[in-house]
Amino acid sequence: MKQAFYLDGHEYVALCDLLKLAGVVDSGGRAKHVIGDGAVSRNGVVETRKTAKIHAGEIIALGDVIIEVCSGSHE
């Protein structure tokens, strides 16, 4: 499943926050757990830094979920 996440005027979002805000995980604690386990990739490379700054144009993947981070607003 591919989805877009809009930064809504922010420069970046922390990886653990992105997973929670995008609805991929139920909580920030769960996000930190899956990131620490090496289950998340950033632009095709495993990312284990829980608070990595994710900018517009990056692609985050967890299992079959792919999140494209976009600048601007979804509205």
PDB file of N, CA and C in Angstrom:
ATOM      1  N   MET A   1       0.837  -1.170   0.000  1.00  0.00           N
ATOM      2  CA  MET A   1       0.000   0.000   0.000  1.00  0.00           C
ATOM      3  C   MET A   1       0.888   1.242   0.000  1.00  0.00           C
ATOM      4  N   LYS A   2       0.660   2.123  -0.939  1.00  0.00           N
ATOM      5  CA  LYS A   2       1.435   3.357  -1.031  1.00  0.00           C
ATOM      6  C   LYS A   2       0.570   4.521  -0.565  1.00  0.00           C
ATOM      7  N   GLN A   3       1.164   5.411   0.212  1.00  0.00           N
ATOM      8  CA  GLN A   3       0.445   6.583   0.684  1.00  0.00           C
ATOM      9  C   GLN A   3       1.376   7.778   0.728  1.00  0.00           C
ATOM     10  N   ALA A   4       0.780   8.964   0.686  1.00  0.00           N
ATOM     11  CA  ALA A   4       1.544  10.209   0.771  1.00  0.00           C
ATOM     12  C   ALA A   4       1.387  10.790   2.173  1.00  0.00           C
ATOM     13  N   PHE A   5       2.461  11.385   2.672  1.00  0.00           N
ATOM     14  CA  PHE A   5       2.430  12.096   3.951  1.00  0.00           C
ATOM     15  C   PHE A   5       2.938  13.501   3.681  1.00  0.00           C
ATOM     16  N   TYR A   6       2.142  14.492   4.035  1.00  0.00           N
ATOM     17  CA  TYR A   6       2.492  15.891   3.778  1.00  0.00           C
ATOM     18  C   TYR A   6       3.057  16.537   5.030  1.00  0.00           C
ATOM     19  N   LEU A   7       4.127  17.301   4.856  1.00  0.00           N
ATOM     20  CA  LEU A   7       4.801  17.939   5.979  1.00  0.00           C
ATOM     21  C   LEU A   7       4.054  19.170   6.500  1.00  0.00           C
ATOM     22  N   ASP A   8       3.068  19.661   5.775  1.00  0.00           N
ATOM     23  CA  ASP A   8       2.239  20.787   6.216  1.00  0.00           C
ATOM     24  C   ASP A   8       3.060  21.971   6.729  1.00  0.00           C
ATOM     25  N   GLY A   9       4.050  22.377   5.951  1.00  0.00           N
ATOM     26  CA  GLY A   9       4.845  23.553   6.281  1.00  0.00           C
ATOM     27  C   GLY A   9       6.055  23.301   7.153  1.00  0.00           C
ATOM     28  N   HIS A  10       6.206  22.090   7.655  1.00  0.00           N
ATOM     29  CA  HIS A  10       7.376  21.761   8.475  1.00  0.00           C
ATOM     30  C   HIS A  10       8.534  21.345   7.573  1.00  0.00           C
ATOM     31  N   GLU A  11       9.741  21.543   8.049  1.00  0.00           N
ATOM     32  CA  GLU A  11      10.933  21.183   7.280  1.00  0.00           C
ATOM     33  C   GLU A  11      11.145  19.670   7.239  1.00  0.00           C
ATOM     34  N   TYR A  12      10.823  18.993   8.348  1.00  0.00           N
ATOM     35  CA  TYR A  12      11.027  17.552   8.447  1.00  0.00           C
ATOM     36  C   TYR A  12      10.101  16.981   9.514  1.00  0.00           C
ATOM     37  N   VAL A  13      10.077  15.659   9.608  1.00  0.00           N
ATOM     38  CA  VAL A  13       9.365  14.945  10.665  1.00  0.00           C
ATOM     39  C   VAL A  13      10.279  13.825  11.154  1.00  0.00           C
ATOM     40  N   ALA A  14      10.267  13.585  12.458  1.00  0.00           N
ATOM     41  CA  ALA A  14      11.054  12.480  13.012  1.00  0.00           C
ATOM     42  C   ALA A  14      10.457  11.158  12.526  1.00  0.00           C
ATOM     43  N   LEU A  15      11.303  10.197  12.236  1.00  0.00           N
ATOM     44  CA  LEU A  15      10.852   8.921  11.689  1.00  0.00           C
ATOM     45  C   LEU A  15       9.808   8.248  12.581  1.00  0.00           C
ATOM     46  N   CYS A  16      10.038   8.201  13.877  1.00  0.00           N
ATOM     47  CA  CYS A  16       9.069   7.551  14.766  1.00  0.00           C
ATOM     48  C   CYS A  16       7.730   8.284  14.748  1.00  0.00           C
ATOM     49  N   ASP A  17       7.756   9.605  14.660  1.00  0.00           N
ATOM     50  CA  ASP A  17       6.521  10.382  14.579  1.00  0.00           C
ATOM     51  C   ASP A  17       5.811  10.146  13.251  1.00  0.00           C
ATOM     52  N   LEU A  18       6.566  10.037  12.185  1.00  0.00           N
ATOM     53  CA  LEU A  18       5.985   9.796  10.864  1.00  0.00           C
ATOM     54  C   LEU A  18       5.184   8.495  10.845  1.00  0.00           C
ATOM     55  N   LEU A  19       5.775   7.439  11.372  1.00  0.00           N
ATOM     56  CA  LEU A  19       5.086   6.145  11.380  1.00  0.00           C
ATOM     57  C   LEU A  19       3.788   6.208  12.179  1.00  0.00           C
ATOM     58  N   LYS A  20       3.806   6.938  13.294  1.00  0.00           N
ATOM     59  CA  LYS A  20       2.610   7.078  14.121  1.00  0.00           C
ATOM     60  C   LYS A  20       1.575   7.964  13.423  1.00  0.00           C
ATOM     61  N   LEU A  21       1.988   9.121  12.920  1.00  0.00           N
ATOM     62  CA  LEU A  21       1.062  10.053  12.281  1.00  0.00           C
ATOM     63  C   LEU A  21       0.451   9.490  11.000  1.00  0.00           C
ATOM     64  N   ALA A  22       1.210   8.671  10.301  1.00  0.00           N
ATOM     65  CA  ALA A  22       0.710   8.068   9.061  1.00  0.00           C
ATOM     66  C   ALA A  22      -0.206   6.877   9.344  1.00  0.00           C
ATOM     67  N   GLY A  23      -0.299   6.478  10.616  1.00  0.00           N
ATOM     68  CA  GLY A  23      -1.182   5.383  10.981  1.00  0.00           C
ATOM     69  C   GLY A  23      -0.627   4.002  10.701  1.00  0.00           C
ATOM     70  N   VAL A  24       0.681   3.920  10.504  1.00  0.00           N
ATOM     71  CA  VAL A  24       1.319   2.638  10.205  1.00  0.00           C
ATOM     72  C   VAL A  24       1.480   1.804  11.478  1.00  0.00           C
ATOM     73  N   VAL A  25       1.687   2.477  12.607  1.00  0.00           N
ATOM     74  CA  VAL A  25       1.785   1.818  13.910  1.00  0.00           C
ATOM     75  C   VAL A  25       0.801   2.491  14.868  1.00  0.00           C
ATOM     76  N   ASP A  26       0.488   1.808  15.956  1.00  0.00           N
ATOM     77  CA  ASP A  26      -0.496   2.311  16.915  1.00  0.00           C
ATOM     78  C   ASP A  26       0.053   3.347  17.893  1.00  0.00           C
ATOM     79  N   SER A  27       1.367   3.306  18.130  1.00  0.00           N
ATOM     80  CA  SER A  27       1.933   4.208  19.135  1.00  0.00           C
ATOM     81  C   SER A  27       3.380   4.554  18.801  1.00  0.00           C
ATOM     82  N   GLY A  28       3.873   5.586  19.470  1.00  0.00           N
ATOM     83  CA  GLY A  28       5.267   5.966  19.300  1.00  0.00           C
ATOM     84  C   GLY A  28       6.209   4.887  19.803  1.00  0.00           C
ATOM     85  N   GLY A  29       5.810   4.213  20.865  1.00  0.00           N
ATOM     86  CA  GLY A  29       6.628   3.114  21.398  1.00  0.00           C
ATOM     87  C   GLY A  29       6.753   1.977  20.407  1.00  0.00           C
ATOM     88  N   ARG A  30       5.651   1.648  19.746  1.00  0.00           N
ATOM     89  CA  ARG A  30       5.681   0.586  18.720  1.00  0.00           C
ATOM     90  C   ARG A  30       6.556   1.021  17.553  1.00  0.00           C
ATOM     91  N   ALA A  31       6.476   2.302  17.178  1.00  0.00           N
ATOM     92  CA  ALA A  31       7.301   2.826  16.086  1.00  0.00           C
ATOM     93  C   ALA A  31       8.783   2.659  16.422  1.00  0.00           C
ATOM     94  N   LYS A  32       9.166   3.025  17.626  1.00  0.00           N
ATOM     95  CA  LYS A  32      10.566   2.900  18.035  1.00  0.00           C
ATOM     96  C   LYS A  32      11.020   1.445  18.021  1.00  0.00           C
ATOM     97  N   HIS A  33      10.115   0.556  18.385  1.00  0.00           N
ATOM     98  CA  HIS A  33      10.445  -0.880  18.404  1.00  0.00           C
ATOM     99  C   HIS A  33      10.719  -1.399  16.986  1.00  0.00           C
ATOM    100  N   VAL A  34       9.824  -1.107  16.034  1.00  0.00           N
ATOM    101  CA  VAL A  34      10.026  -1.633  14.674  1.00  0.00           C
ATOM    102  C   VAL A  34      11.229  -0.987  13.999  1.00  0.00           C
ATOM    103  N   ILE A  35      11.487   0.284  14.319  1.00  0.00           N
ATOM    104  CA  ILE A  35      12.677   0.949  13.759  1.00  0.00           C
ATOM    105  C   ILE A  35      13.932   0.292  14.322  1.00  0.00           C
ATOM    106  N   GLY A  36      13.970   0.084  15.631  1.00  0.00           N
ATOM    107  CA  GLY A  36      15.127  -0.543  16.276  1.00  0.00           C
ATOM    108  C   GLY A  36      15.389  -1.961  15.789  1.00  0.00           C
ATOM    109  N   ASP A  37      14.328  -2.651  15.387  1.00  0.00           N
ATOM    110  CA  ASP A  37      14.467  -4.012  14.866  1.00  0.00           C
ATOM    111  C   ASP A  37      14.969  -4.047  13.425  1.00  0.00           C
ATOM    112  N   GLY A  38      15.120  -2.888  12.795  1.00  0.00           N
ATOM    113  CA  GLY A  38      15.604  -2.846  11.416  1.00  0.00           C
ATOM    114  C   GLY A  38      14.542  -3.140  10.378  1.00  0.00           C
ATOM    115  N   ALA A  39      13.271  -2.957  10.746  1.00  0.00           N
ATOM    116  CA  ALA A  39      12.173  -3.275   9.830  1.00  0.00           C
ATOM    117  C   ALA A  39      11.783  -2.112   8.916  1.00  0.00           C
ATOM    118  N   VAL A  40      12.393  -0.943   9.127  1.00  0.00           N
ATOM    119  CA  VAL A  40      12.035   0.247   8.353  1.00  0.00           C
ATOM    120  C   VAL A  40      13.178   0.617   7.423  1.00  0.00           C
ATOM    121  N   SER A  41      12.840   0.942   6.186  1.00  0.00           N
ATOM    122  CA  SER A  41      13.875   1.416   5.263  1.00  0.00           C
ATOM    123  C   SER A  41      13.578   2.850   4.842  1.00  0.00           C
ATOM    124  N   ARG A  42      14.641   3.566   4.587  1.00  0.00           N
ATOM    125  CA  ARG A  42      14.592   4.963   4.153  1.00  0.00           C
ATOM    126  C   ARG A  42      15.330   5.039   2.829  1.00  0.00           C
ATOM    127  N   ASN A  43      14.585   5.331   1.778  1.00  0.00           N
ATOM    128  CA  ASN A  43      15.166   5.392   0.434  1.00  0.00           C
ATOM    129  C   ASN A  43      15.908   4.102   0.085  1.00  0.00           C
ATOM    130  N   GLY A  44      15.343   2.972   0.507  1.00  0.00           N
ATOM    131  CA  GLY A  44      15.903   1.669   0.163  1.00  0.00           C
ATOM    132  C   GLY A  44      16.994   1.156   1.079  1.00  0.00           C
ATOM    133  N   VAL A  45      17.325   1.918   2.133  1.00  0.00           N
ATOM    134  CA  VAL A  45      18.379   1.523   3.067  1.00  0.00           C
ATOM    135  C   VAL A  45      17.767   1.414   4.465  1.00  0.00           C
ATOM    136  N   VAL A  46      18.106   0.362   5.200  1.00  0.00           N
ATOM    137  CA  VAL A  46      17.571   0.192   6.550  1.00  0.00           C
ATOM    138  C   VAL A  46      17.947   1.393   7.408  1.00  0.00           C
ATOM    139  N   GLU A  47      16.960   1.932   8.120  1.00  0.00           N
ATOM    140  CA  GLU A  47      17.171   3.088   9.004  1.00  0.00           C
ATOM    141  C   GLU A  47      16.839   2.663  10.426  1.00  0.00           C
ATOM    142  N   THR A  48      17.816   2.755  11.333  1.00  0.00           N
ATOM    143  CA  THR A  48      17.603   2.353  12.721  1.00  0.00           C
ATOM    144  C   THR A  48      17.609   3.542  13.685  1.00  0.00           C
ATOM    145  N   ARG A  49      17.791   4.744  13.172  1.00  0.00           N
ATOM    146  CA  ARG A  49      17.743   5.938  14.034  1.00  0.00           C
ATOM    147  C   ARG A  49      16.281   6.337  14.209  1.00  0.00           C
ATOM    148  N   LYS A  50      15.796   6.221  15.415  1.00  0.00           N
ATOM    149  CA  LYS A  50      14.378   6.429  15.694  1.00  0.00           C
ATOM    150  C   LYS A  50      13.907   7.855  15.402  1.00  0.00           C
ATOM    151  N   THR A  51      14.773   8.822  15.627  1.00  0.00           N
ATOM    152  CA  THR A  51      14.383  10.219  15.413  1.00  0.00           C
ATOM    153  C   THR A  51      15.061  10.825  14.179  1.00  0.00           C
ATOM    154  N   ALA A  52      15.411   9.984  13.226  1.00  0.00           N
ATOM    155  CA  ALA A  52      16.014  10.483  11.978  1.00  0.00           C
ATOM    156  C   ALA A  52      15.086  11.522  11.356  1.00  0.00           C
ATOM    157  N   LYS A  53      15.648  12.613  10.867  1.00  0.00           N
ATOM    158  CA  LYS A  53      14.860  13.686  10.253  1.00  0.00           C
ATOM    159  C   LYS A  53      14.495  13.299   8.822  1.00  0.00           C
ATOM    160  N   ILE A  54      13.212  13.139   8.579  1.00  0.00           N
ATOM    161  CA  ILE A  54      12.720  12.730   7.274  1.00  0.00           C
ATOM    162  C   ILE A  54      12.203  13.962   6.543  1.00  0.00           C
ATOM    163  N   HIS A  55      12.750  14.215   5.362  1.00  0.00           N
ATOM    164  CA  HIS A  55      12.431  15.405   4.570  1.00  0.00           C
ATOM    165  C   HIS A  55      11.572  15.044   3.365  1.00  0.00           C
ATOM    166  N   ALA A  56      11.000  16.074   2.754  1.00  0.00           N
ATOM    167  CA  ALA A  56      10.195  15.880   1.542  1.00  0.00           C
ATOM    168  C   ALA A  56      11.037  15.189   0.470  1.00  0.00           C
ATOM    169  N   GLY A  57      10.412  14.291  -0.267  1.00  0.00           N
ATOM    170  CA  GLY A  57      11.084  13.560  -1.337  1.00  0.00           C
ATOM    171  C   GLY A  57      11.611  12.205  -0.913  1.00  0.00           C
ATOM    172  N   GLU A  58      11.572  11.922   0.381  1.00  0.00           N
ATOM    173  CA  GLU A  58      12.075  10.632   0.851  1.00  0.00           C
ATOM    174  C   GLU A  58      10.971   9.578   0.828  1.00  0.00           C
ATOM    175  N   ILE A  59      11.384   8.324   0.707  1.00  0.00           N
ATOM    176  CA  ILE A  59      10.473   7.185   0.674  1.00  0.00           C
ATOM    177  C   ILE A  59      10.783   6.307   1.882  1.00  0.00           C
ATOM    178  N   ILE A  60       9.754   6.048   2.692  1.00  0.00           N
ATOM    179  CA  ILE A  60       9.884   5.220   3.882  1.00  0.00           C
ATOM    180  C   ILE A  60       9.057   3.958   3.666  1.00  0.00           C
ATOM    181  N   ALA A  61       9.618   2.804   3.994  1.00  0.00           N
ATOM    182  CA  ALA A  61       8.897   1.538   3.807  1.00  0.00           C
ATOM    183  C   ALA A  61       8.947   0.709   5.082  1.00  0.00           C
ATOM    184  N   LEU A  62       7.795   0.112   5.393  1.00  0.00           N
ATOM    185  CA  LEU A  62       7.667  -0.822   6.503  1.00  0.00           C
ATOM    186  C   LEU A  62       6.742  -1.921   6.024  1.00  0.00           C
ATOM    187  N   GLY A  63       7.299  -3.100   5.789  1.00  0.00           N
ATOM    188  CA  GLY A  63       6.507  -4.195   5.236  1.00  0.00           C
ATOM    189  C   GLY A  63       5.978  -3.816   3.864  1.00  0.00           C
ATOM    190  N   ASP A  64       4.686  -3.950   3.670  1.00  0.00           N
ATOM    191  CA  ASP A  64       4.091  -3.605   2.371  1.00  0.00           C
ATOM    192  C   ASP A  64       3.590  -2.164   2.314  1.00  0.00           C
ATOM    193  N   VAL A  65       3.871  -1.378   3.357  1.00  0.00           N
ATOM    194  CA  VAL A  65       3.462   0.034   3.396  1.00  0.00           C
ATOM    195  C   VAL A  65       4.617   0.902   2.914  1.00  0.00           C
ATOM    196  N   ILE A  66       4.328   1.744   1.939  1.00  0.00           N
ATOM    197  CA  ILE A  66       5.316   2.680   1.408  1.00  0.00           C
ATOM    198  C   ILE A  66       4.771   4.081   1.599  1.00  0.00           C
ATOM    199  N   ILE A  67       5.561   4.935   2.243  1.00  0.00           N
ATOM    200  CA  ILE A  67       5.148   6.309   2.500  1.00  0.00           C
ATOM    201  C   ILE A  67       6.050   7.247   1.723  1.00  0.00           C
ATOM    202  N   GLU A  68       5.437   8.065   0.878  1.00  0.00           N
ATOM    203  CA  GLU A  68       6.163   9.105   0.147  1.00  0.00           C
ATOM    204  C   GLU A  68       5.947  10.405   0.913  1.00  0.00           C
ATOM    205  N   VAL A  69       7.041  11.008   1.366  1.00  0.00           N
ATOM    206  CA  VAL A  69       6.956  12.248   2.142  1.00  0.00           C
ATOM    207  C   VAL A  69       6.971  13.415   1.166  1.00  0.00           C
ATOM    208  N   CYS A  70       5.960  14.284   1.299  1.00  0.00           N
ATOM    209  CA  CYS A  70       5.764  15.393   0.372  1.00  0.00           C
ATOM    210  C   CYS A  70       5.791  16.726   1.094  1.00  0.00           C
ATOM    211  N   SER A  71       6.267  17.751   0.432  1.00  0.00           N
ATOM    212  CA  SER A  71       6.173  19.098   0.989  1.00  0.00           C
ATOM    213  C   SER A  71       4.753  19.594   0.765  1.00  0.00           C
ATOM    214  N   GLY A  72       4.403  20.673   1.395  1.00  0.00           N
ATOM    215  CA  GLY A  72       3.084  21.245   1.203  1.00  0.00           C
ATOM    216  C   GLY A  72       2.042  20.610   2.098  1.00  0.00           C
ATOM    217  N   SER A  73       0.788  20.789   1.707  1.00  0.00           N
ATOM    218  CA  SER A  73      -0.343  20.338   2.510  1.00  0.00           C
ATOM    219  C   SER A  73      -1.258  19.476   1.670  1.00  0.00           C
ATOM    220  N   HIS A  74      -1.919  18.537   2.279  1.00  0.00           N
ATOM    221  CA  HIS A  74      -2.838  17.649   1.561  1.00  0.00           C
ATOM    222  C   HIS A  74      -4.176  18.306   1.283  1.00  0.00           C
ATOM    223  N   GLU A  75      -4.409  19.472   1.831  1.00  0.00           N
ATOM    224  CA  GLU A  75      -5.715  20.144   1.611  1.00  0.00           C
ATOM    225  C   GLU A  75      -5.633  21.140   0.499  1.00  0.00           C
TER     226      GLU A  75
END
